[in-house]
PDB file of N, CA and C in Angstrom:
ATOM      1  N   MET A   1      59.605 -51.319 113.940  1.00  0.00           N
ATOM      2  CA  MET A   1      60.149 -50.858 112.673  1.00  0.00           C
ATOM      3  C   MET A   1      61.634 -51.144 112.552  1.00  0.00           C
ATOM      4  N   ARG A   2      62.301 -51.393 113.632  1.00  0.00           N
ATOM      5  CA  ARG A   2      63.748 -51.580 113.554  1.00  0.00           C
ATOM      6  C   ARG A   2      64.146 -52.733 112.641  1.00  0.00           C
ATOM      7  N   LYS A   3      63.294 -53.750 112.549  1.00  0.00           N
ATOM      8  CA  LYS A   3      63.639 -54.896 111.713  1.00  0.00           C
ATOM      9  C   LYS A   3      63.079 -54.777 110.304  1.00  0.00           C
ATOM     10  N   ALA A   4      62.313 -53.750 110.051  1.00  0.00           N
ATOM     11  CA  ALA A   4      61.771 -53.533 108.705  1.00  0.00           C
ATOM     12  C   ALA A   4      62.904 -53.171 107.758  1.00  0.00           C
ATOM     13  N   ARG A   5      62.776 -53.609 106.525  1.00  0.00           N
ATOM     14  CA  ARG A   5      63.778 -53.320 105.495  1.00  0.00           C
ATOM     15  C   ARG A   5      63.078 -52.677 104.310  1.00  0.00           C
ATOM     16  N   PRO A   6      62.917 -51.354 104.336  1.00  0.00           N
ATOM     17  CA  PRO A   6      62.227 -50.667 103.236  1.00  0.00           C
ATOM     18  C   PRO A   6      62.836 -50.949 101.869  1.00  0.00           C
ATOM     19  N   VAL A   7      64.111 -51.232 101.830  1.00  0.00           N
ATOM     20  CA  VAL A   7      64.761 -51.506 100.551  1.00  0.00           C
ATOM     21  C   VAL A   7      64.135 -52.723  99.870  1.00  0.00           C
ATOM     22  N   ASP A   8      63.558 -53.631 100.660  1.00  0.00           N
ATOM     23  CA  ASP A   8      62.916 -54.807 100.088  1.00  0.00           C
ATOM     24  C   ASP A   8      61.636 -54.464  99.322  1.00  0.00           C
ATOM     25  N   TRP A   9      61.073 -53.288  99.563  1.00  0.00           N
ATOM     26  CA  TRP A   9      59.800 -52.905  98.959  1.00  0.00           C
ATOM     27  C   TRP A   9      59.974 -51.953  97.772  1.00  0.00           C
ATOM     28  N   THR A  10      61.188 -51.582  97.453  1.00  0.00           N
ATOM     29  CA  THR A  10      61.388 -50.546  96.431  1.00  0.00           C
ATOM     30  C   THR A  10      60.875 -50.944  95.052  1.00  0.00           C
ATOM     31  N   ALA A  11      60.947 -52.205  94.711  1.00  0.00           N
ATOM     32  CA  ALA A  11      60.518 -52.629  93.378  1.00  0.00           C
ATOM     33  C   ALA A  11      59.012 -52.434  93.170  1.00  0.00           C
ATOM     34  N   SER A  12      58.246 -52.361  94.257  1.00  0.00           N
ATOM     35  CA  SER A  12      56.790 -52.233  94.126  1.00  0.00           C
ATOM     36  C   SER A  12      56.300 -50.787  94.230  1.00  0.00           C
ATOM     37  N   LEU A  13      57.213 -49.836  94.332  1.00  0.00           N
ATOM     38  CA  LEU A  13      56.795 -48.433  94.452  1.00  0.00           C
ATOM     39  C   LEU A  13      56.245 -47.913  93.122  1.00  0.00           C
ATOM     40  N   PRO A  14      55.115 -47.188  93.184  1.00  0.00           N
ATOM     41  CA  PRO A  14      54.582 -46.578  91.951  1.00  0.00           C
ATOM     42  C   PRO A  14      55.529 -45.495  91.426  1.00  0.00           C
ATOM     43  N   LYS A  15      55.355 -45.139  90.162  1.00  0.00           N
ATOM     44  CA  LYS A  15      56.189 -44.104  89.544  1.00  0.00           C
ATOM     45  C   LYS A  15      56.054 -42.781  90.289  1.00  0.00           C
ATOM     46  N   LYS A  16      57.203 -42.115  90.451  1.00  0.00           N
ATOM     47  CA  LYS A  16      57.281 -40.774  91.057  1.00  0.00           C
ATOM     48  C   LYS A  16      56.545 -40.695  92.394  1.00  0.00           C
ATOM     49  N   SER A  17      56.688 -41.732  93.224  1.00  0.00           N
ATOM     50  CA  SER A  17      55.945 -41.776  94.487  1.00  0.00           C
ATOM     51  C   SER A  17      56.800 -41.589  95.735  1.00  0.00           C
ATOM     52  N   LEU A  18      58.114 -41.733  95.619  1.00  0.00           N
ATOM     53  CA  LEU A  18      58.947 -41.691  96.822  1.00  0.00           C
ATOM     54  C   LEU A  18      59.596 -40.327  97.009  1.00  0.00           C
ATOM     55  N   HIS A  19      59.272 -39.698  98.127  1.00  0.00           N
ATOM     56  CA  HIS A  19      59.910 -38.454  98.556  1.00  0.00           C
ATOM     57  C   HIS A  19      60.700 -38.808  99.809  1.00  0.00           C
ATOM     58  N   LEU A  20      62.004 -38.645  99.758  1.00  0.00           N
ATOM     59  CA  LEU A  20      62.867 -38.982 100.884  1.00  0.00           C
ATOM     60  C   LEU A  20      63.387 -37.695 101.506  1.00  0.00           C
ATOM     61  N   MET A  21      63.162 -37.542 102.806  1.00  0.00           N
ATOM     62  CA  MET A  21      63.661 -36.376 103.536  1.00  0.00           C
ATOM     63  C   MET A  21      64.719 -36.886 104.518  1.00  0.00           C
ATOM     64  N   VAL A  22      65.921 -36.357 104.398  1.00  0.00           N
ATOM     65  CA  VAL A  22      67.081 -36.842 105.142  1.00  0.00           C
ATOM     66  C   VAL A  22      67.615 -35.734 106.038  1.00  0.00           C
ATOM     67  N   ALA A  23      67.895 -36.068 107.280  1.00  0.00           N
ATOM     68  CA  ALA A  23      68.516 -35.114 108.196  1.00  0.00           C
ATOM     69  C   ALA A  23      70.002 -35.012 107.870  1.00  0.00           C
ATOM     70  N   GLY A  24      70.487 -33.815 107.706  1.00  0.00           N
ATOM     71  CA  GLY A  24      71.888 -33.602 107.358  1.00  0.00           C
ATOM     72  C   GLY A  24      72.861 -34.042 108.435  1.00  0.00           C
ATOM     73  N   MET A  25      72.393 -34.058 109.690  1.00  0.00           N
ATOM     74  CA  MET A  25      73.251 -34.463 110.818  1.00  0.00           C
ATOM     75  C   MET A  25      72.559 -35.567 111.621  1.00  0.00           C
ATOM     76  N   ASP A  26      72.063 -36.576 110.915  1.00  0.00           N
ATOM     77  CA  ASP A  26      71.336 -37.665 111.571  1.00  0.00           C
ATOM     78  C   ASP A  26      72.283 -38.449 112.465  1.00  0.00           C
ATOM     79  N   GLN A  27      71.948 -38.515 113.742  1.00  0.00           N
ATOM     80  CA  GLN A  27      72.819 -39.206 114.689  1.00  0.00           C
ATOM     81  C   GLN A  27      72.485 -40.690 114.817  1.00  0.00           C
ATOM     82  N   TYR A  28      71.424 -41.153 114.129  1.00  0.00           N
ATOM     83  CA  TYR A  28      71.018 -42.553 114.233  1.00  0.00           C
ATOM     84  C   TYR A  28      71.218 -43.344 112.940  1.00  0.00           C
ATOM     85  N   ILE A  29      70.990 -42.701 111.820  1.00  0.00           N
ATOM     86  CA  ILE A  29      71.106 -43.393 110.528  1.00  0.00           C
ATOM     87  C   ILE A  29      72.211 -42.725 109.721  1.00  0.00           C
ATOM     88  N   GLY A  30      73.215 -43.491 109.391  1.00  0.00           N
ATOM     89  CA  GLY A  30      74.366 -42.955 108.665  1.00  0.00           C
ATOM     90  C   GLY A  30      74.012 -42.524 107.249  1.00  0.00           C
ATOM     91  N   ALA A  31      74.698 -41.508 106.776  1.00  0.00           N
ATOM     92  CA  ALA A  31      74.467 -40.995 105.421  1.00  0.00           C
ATOM     93  C   ALA A  31      74.673 -42.086 104.373  1.00  0.00           C
ATOM     94  N   ASP A  32      75.607 -42.994 104.620  1.00  0.00           N
ATOM     95  CA  ASP A  32      75.871 -44.071 103.670  1.00  0.00           C
ATOM     96  C   ASP A  32      74.679 -45.020 103.557  1.00  0.00           C
ATOM     97  N   VAL A  33      73.976 -45.250 104.657  1.00  0.00           N
ATOM     98  CA  VAL A  33      72.797 -46.121 104.644  1.00  0.00           C
ATOM     99  C   VAL A  33      71.698 -45.490 103.802  1.00  0.00           C
ATOM    100  N   LEU A  34      71.471 -44.203 103.991  1.00  0.00           N
ATOM    101  CA  LEU A  34      70.432 -43.504 103.238  1.00  0.00           C
ATOM    102  C   LEU A  34      70.794 -43.377 101.762  1.00  0.00           C
ATOM    103  N   GLU A  35      72.060 -43.184 101.475  1.00  0.00           N
ATOM    104  CA  GLU A  35      72.511 -43.117 100.080  1.00  0.00           C
ATOM    105  C   GLU A  35      72.328 -44.479  99.404  1.00  0.00           C
ATOM    106  N   GLU A  36      72.648 -45.532 100.130  1.00  0.00           N
ATOM    107  CA  GLU A  36      72.468 -46.885  99.592  1.00  0.00           C
ATOM    108  C   GLU A  36      70.989 -47.155  99.309  1.00  0.00           C
ATOM    109  N   TYR A  37      70.122 -46.705 100.202  1.00  0.00           N
ATOM    110  CA  TYR A  37      68.692 -46.890  99.987  1.00  0.00           C
ATOM    111  C   TYR A  37      68.223 -46.128  98.744  1.00  0.00           C
ATOM    112  N   TRP A  38      68.599 -44.845  98.650  1.00  0.00           N
ATOM    113  CA  TRP A  38      68.179 -44.037  97.499  1.00  0.00           C
ATOM    114  C   TRP A  38      68.677 -44.661  96.195  1.00  0.00           C
ATOM    115  N   SER A  39      69.884 -45.174  96.216  1.00  0.00           N
ATOM    116  CA  SER A  39      70.447 -45.807  95.020  1.00  0.00           C
ATOM    117  C   SER A  39      69.684 -47.073  94.636  1.00  0.00           C
ATOM    118  N   ALA A  40      69.095 -47.740  95.629  1.00  0.00           N
ATOM    119  CA  ALA A  40      68.348 -48.967  95.371  1.00  0.00           C
ATOM    120  C   ALA A  40      66.942 -48.706  94.842  1.00  0.00           C
ATOM    121  N   VAL A  41      66.454 -47.487  95.024  1.00  0.00           N
ATOM    122  CA  VAL A  41      65.110 -47.143  94.549  1.00  0.00           C
ATOM    123  C   VAL A  41      65.150 -47.011  93.032  1.00  0.00           C
ATOM    124  N   PRO A  42      64.243 -47.682  92.329  1.00  0.00           N
ATOM    125  CA  PRO A  42      64.221 -47.545  90.869  1.00  0.00           C
ATOM    126  C   PRO A  42      64.068 -46.075  90.473  1.00  0.00           C
ATOM    127  N   VAL A  43      64.796 -45.650  89.480  1.00  0.00           N
ATOM    128  CA  VAL A  43      64.791 -44.253  89.040  1.00  0.00           C
ATOM    129  C   VAL A  43      63.366 -43.772  88.773  1.00  0.00           C
ATOM    130  N   GLU A  44      62.546 -44.616  88.163  1.00  0.00           N
ATOM    131  CA  GLU A  44      61.184 -44.190  87.843  1.00  0.00           C
ATOM    132  C   GLU A  44      60.303 -43.989  89.085  1.00  0.00           C
ATOM    133  N   ALA A  45      60.688 -44.548  90.224  1.00  0.00           N
ATOM    134  CA  ALA A  45      59.905 -44.385  91.463  1.00  0.00           C
ATOM    135  C   ALA A  45      60.318 -43.144  92.250  1.00  0.00           C
ATOM    136  N   ARG A  46      61.498 -42.607  91.951  1.00  0.00           N
ATOM    137  CA  ARG A  46      61.993 -41.451  92.704  1.00  0.00           C
ATOM    138  C   ARG A  46      61.216 -40.188  92.348  1.00  0.00           C
ATOM    139  N   ALA A  47      60.776 -39.490  93.392  1.00  0.00           N
ATOM    140  CA  ALA A  47      60.121 -38.191  93.187  1.00  0.00           C
ATOM    141  C   ALA A  47      61.094 -37.091  93.609  1.00  0.00           C
ATOM    142  N   SER A  48      61.540 -37.128  94.876  1.00  0.00           N
ATOM    143  CA  SER A  48      62.508 -36.128  95.331  1.00  0.00           C
ATOM    144  C   SER A  48      63.262 -36.646  96.546  1.00  0.00           C
ATOM    145  N   ARG A  49      64.437 -36.083  96.727  1.00  0.00           N
ATOM    146  CA  ARG A  49      65.217 -36.343  97.940  1.00  0.00           C
ATOM    147  C   ARG A  49      65.672 -34.993  98.463  1.00  0.00           C
ATOM    148  N   LEU A  50      65.400 -34.743  99.735  1.00  0.00           N
ATOM    149  CA  LEU A  50      65.787 -33.494 100.372  1.00  0.00           C
ATOM    150  C   LEU A  50      66.706 -33.792 101.538  1.00  0.00           C
ATOM    151  N   THR A  51      67.886 -33.190 101.543  1.00  0.00           N
ATOM    152  CA  THR A  51      68.787 -33.262 102.688  1.00  0.00           C
ATOM    153  C   THR A  51      68.633 -31.958 103.454  1.00  0.00           C
ATOM    154  N   VAL A  52      68.134 -32.057 104.673  1.00  0.00           N
ATOM    155  CA  VAL A  52      67.892 -30.878 105.501  1.00  0.00           C
ATOM    156  C   VAL A  52      69.178 -30.564 106.249  1.00  0.00           C
ATOM    157  N   LYS A  53      69.890 -29.564 105.774  1.00  0.00           N
ATOM    158  CA  LYS A  53      71.189 -29.185 106.335  1.00  0.00           C
ATOM    159  C   LYS A  53      71.037 -28.708 107.783  1.00  0.00           C
ATOM    160  N   GLY A  54      71.942 -29.185 108.635  1.00  0.00           N
ATOM    161  CA  GLY A  54      71.966 -28.753 110.028  1.00  0.00           C
ATOM    162  C   GLY A  54      70.932 -29.409 110.921  1.00  0.00           C
ATOM    163  N   SER A  55      70.148 -30.333 110.381  1.00  0.00           N
ATOM    164  CA  SER A  55      69.097 -30.958 111.177  1.00  0.00           C
ATOM    165  C   SER A  55      69.534 -32.315 111.707  1.00  0.00           C
ATOM    166  N   GLU A  56      69.010 -32.638 112.874  1.00  0.00           N
ATOM    167  CA  GLU A  56      69.215 -33.956 113.457  1.00  0.00           C
ATOM    168  C   GLU A  56      68.067 -34.870 113.041  1.00  0.00           C
ATOM    169  N   HIS A  57      68.089 -36.090 113.529  1.00  0.00           N
ATOM    170  CA  HIS A  57      67.145 -37.132 113.127  1.00  0.00           C
ATOM    171  C   HIS A  57      65.675 -36.706 113.259  1.00  0.00           C
ATOM    172  N   LYS A  58      65.308 -36.098 114.343  1.00  0.00           N
ATOM    173  CA  LYS A  58      63.913 -35.708 114.585  1.00  0.00           C
ATOM    174  C   LYS A  58      63.635 -34.352 113.941  1.00  0.00           C
ATOM    175  N   MET A  59      63.613 -34.351 112.622  1.00  0.00           N
ATOM    176  CA  MET A  59      63.475 -33.107 111.866  1.00  0.00           C
ATOM    177  C   MET A  59      62.206 -32.337 112.193  1.00  0.00           C
ATOM    178  N   VAL A  60      61.104 -33.036 112.388  1.00  0.00           N
ATOM    179  CA  VAL A  60      59.845 -32.330 112.642  1.00  0.00           C
ATOM    180  C   VAL A  60      59.846 -31.624 113.995  1.00  0.00           C
ATOM    181  N   GLU A  61      60.737 -32.013 114.873  1.00  0.00           N
ATOM    182  CA  GLU A  61      60.907 -31.288 116.142  1.00  0.00           C
ATOM    183  C   GLU A  61      61.955 -30.183 116.001  1.00  0.00           C
ATOM    184  N   PHE A  62      62.991 -30.460 115.252  1.00  0.00           N
ATOM    185  CA  PHE A  62      64.108 -29.520 115.116  1.00  0.00           C
ATOM    186  C   PHE A  62      63.768 -28.344 114.196  1.00  0.00           C
ATOM    187  N   VAL A  63      63.133 -28.634 113.067  1.00  0.00           N
ATOM    188  CA  VAL A  63      62.765 -27.587 112.093  1.00  0.00           C
ATOM    189  C   VAL A  63      61.338 -27.828 111.576  1.00  0.00           C
ATOM    190  N   PRO A  64      60.340 -27.688 112.444  1.00  0.00           N
ATOM    191  CA  PRO A  64      58.963 -28.041 112.070  1.00  0.00           C
ATOM    192  C   PRO A  64      58.360 -27.187 110.960  1.00  0.00           C
ATOM    193  N   LYS A  65      58.629 -25.908 110.946  1.00  0.00           N
ATOM    194  CA  LYS A  65      58.056 -25.043 109.903  1.00  0.00           C
ATOM    195  C   LYS A  65      58.613 -25.411 108.536  1.00  0.00           C
ATOM    196  N   PHE A  66      59.899 -25.647 108.504  1.00  0.00           N
ATOM    197  CA  PHE A  66      60.559 -25.977 107.238  1.00  0.00           C
ATOM    198  C   PHE A  66      60.086 -27.323 106.696  1.00  0.00           C
ATOM    199  N   THR A  67      60.077 -28.347 107.559  1.00  0.00           N
ATOM    200  CA  THR A  67      59.671 -29.669 107.089  1.00  0.00           C
ATOM    201  C   THR A  67      58.204 -29.689 106.671  1.00  0.00           C
ATOM    202  N   SER A  68      57.354 -28.996 107.408  1.00  0.00           N
ATOM    203  CA  SER A  68      55.937 -28.972 107.021  1.00  0.00           C
ATOM    204  C   SER A  68      55.742 -28.178 105.726  1.00  0.00           C
ATOM    205  N   ALA A  69      56.526 -27.127 105.517  1.00  0.00           N
ATOM    206  CA  ALA A  69      56.438 -26.364 104.267  1.00  0.00           C
ATOM    207  C   ALA A  69      56.868 -27.225 103.082  1.00  0.00           C
ATOM    208  N   TRP A  70      57.858 -28.081 103.284  1.00  0.00           N
ATOM    209  CA  TRP A  70      58.303 -28.982 102.216  1.00  0.00           C
ATOM    210  C   TRP A  70      57.209 -29.992 101.870  1.00  0.00           C
ATOM    211  N   VAL A  71      56.608 -30.578 102.900  1.00  0.00           N
ATOM    212  CA  VAL A  71      55.519 -31.528 102.673  1.00  0.00           C
ATOM    213  C   VAL A  71      54.357 -30.827 101.959  1.00  0.00           C
ATOM    214  N   TYR A  72      54.086 -29.592 102.324  1.00  0.00           N
ATOM    215  CA  TYR A  72      53.024 -28.826 101.669  1.00  0.00           C
ATOM    216  C   TYR A  72      53.328 -28.645 100.174  1.00  0.00           C
ATOM    217  N   GLU A  73      54.582 -28.380  99.839  1.00  0.00           N
ATOM    218  CA  GLU A  73      54.968 -28.254  98.424  1.00  0.00           C
ATOM    219  C   GLU A  73      54.707 -29.562  97.675  1.00  0.00           C
ATOM    220  N   ILE A  74      54.976 -30.676  98.328  1.00  0.00           N
ATOM    221  CA  ILE A  74      54.708 -31.985  97.715  1.00  0.00           C
ATOM    222  C   ILE A  74      53.206 -32.148  97.499  1.00  0.00           C
ATOM    223  N   LEU A  75      52.426 -31.843  98.539  1.00  0.00           N
ATOM    224  CA  LEU A  75      50.967 -32.007  98.447  1.00  0.00           C
ATOM    225  C   LEU A  75      50.341 -31.067  97.431  1.00  0.00           C
ATOM    226  N   LYS A  76      50.945 -29.885  97.253  1.00  0.00           N
ATOM    227  CA  LYS A  76      50.451 -28.941  96.241  1.00  0.00           C
ATOM    228  C   LYS A  76      50.727 -29.449  94.831  1.00  0.00           C
ATOM    229  N   GLY A  77      51.661 -30.392  94.720  1.00  0.00           N
ATOM    230  CA  GLY A  77      52.003 -30.941  93.412  1.00  0.00           C
ATOM    231  C   GLY A  77      53.056 -30.145  92.675  1.00  0.00           C
ATOM    232  N   ASN A  78      53.932 -29.459  93.409  1.00  0.00           N
ATOM    233  CA  ASN A  78      55.022 -28.709  92.778  1.00  0.00           C
ATOM    234  C   ASN A  78      55.783 -29.651  91.838  1.00  0.00           C
ATOM    235  N   GLU A  79      55.688 -29.381  90.552  1.00  0.00           N
ATOM    236  CA  GLU A  79      56.246 -30.300  89.546  1.00  0.00           C
ATOM    237  C   GLU A  79      57.748 -30.521  89.692  1.00  0.00           C
ATOM    238  N   LYS A  80      58.472 -29.568  90.254  1.00  0.00           N
ATOM    239  CA  LYS A  80      59.917 -29.726  90.435  1.00  0.00           C
ATOM    240  C   LYS A  80      60.232 -30.842  91.427  1.00  0.00           C
ATOM    241  N   LEU A  81      59.263 -31.175  92.272  1.00  0.00           N
ATOM    242  CA  LEU A  81      59.464 -32.186  93.300  1.00  0.00           C
ATOM    243  C   LEU A  81      59.059 -33.585  92.844  1.00  0.00           C
ATOM    244  N   PHE A  82      58.798 -33.749  91.566  1.00  0.00           N
ATOM    245  CA  PHE A  82      58.403 -35.044  91.034  1.00  0.00           C
ATOM    246  C   PHE A  82      59.283 -35.433  89.851  1.00  0.00           C
ATOM    247  N   GLN A  83      60.536 -34.949  89.853  1.00  0.00           N
ATOM    248  CA  GLN A  83      61.457 -35.206  88.750  1.00  0.00           C
ATOM    249  C   GLN A  83      62.644 -36.069  89.154  1.00  0.00           C
ATOM    250  N   GLY A  84      62.578 -36.640  90.365  1.00  0.00           N
ATOM    251  CA  GLY A  84      63.658 -37.506  90.832  1.00  0.00           C
ATOM    252  C   GLY A  84      64.904 -36.752  91.250  1.00  0.00           C
ATOM    253  N   ARG A  85      64.761 -35.470  91.513  1.00  0.00           N
ATOM    254  CA  ARG A  85      65.911 -34.617  91.834  1.00  0.00           C
ATOM    255  C   ARG A  85      66.288 -34.696  93.310  1.00  0.00           C
ATOM    256  N   SER A  86      67.542 -34.354  93.591  1.00  0.00           N
ATOM    257  CA  SER A  86      68.040 -34.268  94.964  1.00  0.00           C
ATOM    258  C   SER A  86      68.275 -32.804  95.303  1.00  0.00           C
ATOM    259  N   PHE A  87      67.768 -32.397  96.457  1.00  0.00           N
ATOM    260  CA  PHE A  87      67.848 -31.010  96.895  1.00  0.00           C
ATOM    261  C   PHE A  87      68.577 -30.911  98.233  1.00  0.00           C
ATOM    262  N   ASP A  88      69.158 -29.748  98.470  1.00  0.00           N
ATOM    263  CA  ASP A  88      69.709 -29.404  99.777  1.00  0.00           C
ATOM    264  C   ASP A  88      68.804 -28.347 100.378  1.00  0.00           C
ATOM    265  N   GLY A  89      68.371 -28.564 101.624  1.00  0.00           N
ATOM    266  CA  GLY A  89      67.466 -27.631 102.281  1.00  0.00           C
ATOM    267  C   GLY A  89      68.170 -26.832 103.365  1.00  0.00           C
ATOM    268  N   TYR A  90      67.874 -25.556 103.404  1.00  0.00           N
ATOM    269  CA  TYR A  90      68.463 -24.639 104.378  1.00  0.00           C
ATOM    270  C   TYR A  90      67.329 -24.027 105.200  1.00  0.00           C
ATOM    271  N   PRO A  91      66.958 -24.687 106.313  1.00  0.00           N
ATOM    272  CA  PRO A  91      65.767 -24.302 107.061  1.00  0.00           C
ATOM    273  C   PRO A  91      65.789 -22.888 107.636  1.00  0.00           C
ATOM    274  N   PHE A  92      66.941 -22.368 107.967  1.00  0.00           N
ATOM    275  CA  PHE A  92      66.987 -21.038 108.579  1.00  0.00           C
ATOM    276  C   PHE A  92      67.053 -19.928 107.533  1.00  0.00           C
ATOM    277  N   HIS A  93      67.108 -20.333 106.275  1.00  0.00           N
ATOM    278  CA  HIS A  93      67.011 -19.388 105.164  1.00  0.00           C
ATOM    279  C   HIS A  93      65.681 -19.557 104.437  1.00  0.00           C
ATOM    280  N   GLY A  94      64.978 -20.662 104.732  1.00  0.00           N
ATOM    281  CA  GLY A  94      63.700 -20.915 104.092  1.00  0.00           C
ATOM    282  C   GLY A  94      63.814 -21.232 102.621  1.00  0.00           C
ATOM    283  N   GLU A  95      64.876 -21.948 102.256  1.00  0.00           N
ATOM    284  CA  GLU A  95      65.069 -22.262 100.845  1.00  0.00           C
ATOM    285  C   GLU A  95      65.617 -23.663 100.639  1.00  0.00           C
ATOM    286  N   VAL A  96      65.359 -24.164  99.441  1.00  0.00           N
ATOM    287  CA  VAL A  96      65.821 -25.468  99.004  1.00  0.00           C
ATOM    288  C   VAL A  96      66.526 -25.241  97.677  1.00  0.00           C
ATOM    289  N   ARG A  97      67.677 -25.903  97.500  1.00  0.00           N
ATOM    290  CA  ARG A  97      68.453 -25.689  96.270  1.00  0.00           C
ATOM    291  C   ARG A  97      68.821 -27.002  95.602  1.00  0.00           C
ATOM    292  N   ASP A  98      68.838 -26.924  94.287  1.00  0.00           N
ATOM    293  CA  ASP A  98      69.385 -27.971  93.438  1.00  0.00           C
ATOM    294  C   ASP A  98      70.258 -27.242  92.433  1.00  0.00           C
ATOM    295  N   GLY A  99      71.556 -27.247  92.674  1.00  0.00           N
ATOM    296  CA  GLY A  99      72.452 -26.456  91.829  1.00  0.00           C
ATOM    297  C   GLY A  99      72.139 -24.982  91.994  1.00  0.00           C
ATOM    298  N   ASP A 100      71.912 -24.297  90.884  1.00  0.00           N
ATOM    299  CA  ASP A 100      71.606 -22.870  90.926  1.00  0.00           C
ATOM    300  C   ASP A 100      70.118 -22.590  91.125  1.00  0.00           C
ATOM    301  N   GLU A 101      69.295 -23.635  91.024  1.00  0.00           N
ATOM    302  CA  GLU A 101      67.851 -23.428  91.170  1.00  0.00           C
ATOM    303  C   GLU A 101      67.468 -23.397  92.654  1.00  0.00           C
ATOM    304  N   GLU A 102      66.572 -22.479  92.978  1.00  0.00           N
ATOM    305  CA  GLU A 102      66.161 -22.290  94.365  1.00  0.00           C
ATOM    306  C   GLU A 102      64.630 -22.296  94.462  1.00  0.00           C
ATOM    307  N   ILE A 103      64.136 -22.965  95.504  1.00  0.00           N
ATOM    308  CA  ILE A 103      62.710 -22.977  95.806  1.00  0.00           C
ATOM    309  C   ILE A 103      62.542 -22.386  97.194  1.00  0.00           C
ATOM    310  N   LYS A 104      61.711 -21.380  97.317  1.00  0.00           N
ATOM    311  CA  LYS A 104      61.436 -20.780  98.622  1.00  0.00           C
ATOM    312  C   LYS A 104      60.366 -21.586  99.341  1.00  0.00           C
ATOM    313  N   VAL A 105      60.635 -21.911 100.603  1.00  0.00           N
ATOM    314  CA  VAL A 105      59.671 -22.613 101.450  1.00  0.00           C
ATOM    315  C   VAL A 105      59.651 -21.942 102.814  1.00  0.00           C
ATOM    316  N   GLY A 106      58.947 -22.514 103.767  1.00  0.00           N
ATOM    317  CA  GLY A 106      58.852 -21.927 105.119  1.00  0.00           C
ATOM    318  C   GLY A 106      60.195 -21.837 105.817  1.00  0.00           C
ATOM    319  N   ARG A 107      60.343 -20.792 106.576  1.00  0.00           N
ATOM    320  CA  ARG A 107      61.606 -20.514 107.268  1.00  0.00           C
ATOM    321  C   ARG A 107      61.425 -20.717 108.775  1.00  0.00           C
ATOM    322  N   GLU A 108      62.421 -21.276 109.385  1.00  0.00           N
ATOM    323  CA  GLU A 108      62.411 -21.435 110.853  1.00  0.00           C
ATOM    324  C   GLU A 108      62.659 -20.112 111.526  1.00  0.00           C
TER     325      GLU A 108
END
């Protein structure tokens, strides 16, 4: 996967299909790289972007309850997660925020 370039595939993504989960303290992939990727994704393909505050690269090991609760919200079809919005996630509070709006999810 190291040589794969997901940015090359963005034009073929279906509408509202991409959910990007980003570690807030990723020690392997710089925030600028992930921001550049999100910016390259066509607006109509964006579903949601979540920055998991305080998490390292291996989010499912670091905050498994929180990340699985977020995926569950996606699978349930939570309409707020299909509007191309960017959220900040706080795993030890069990919440996700976009401005003043808050979504409760699983807590670590």
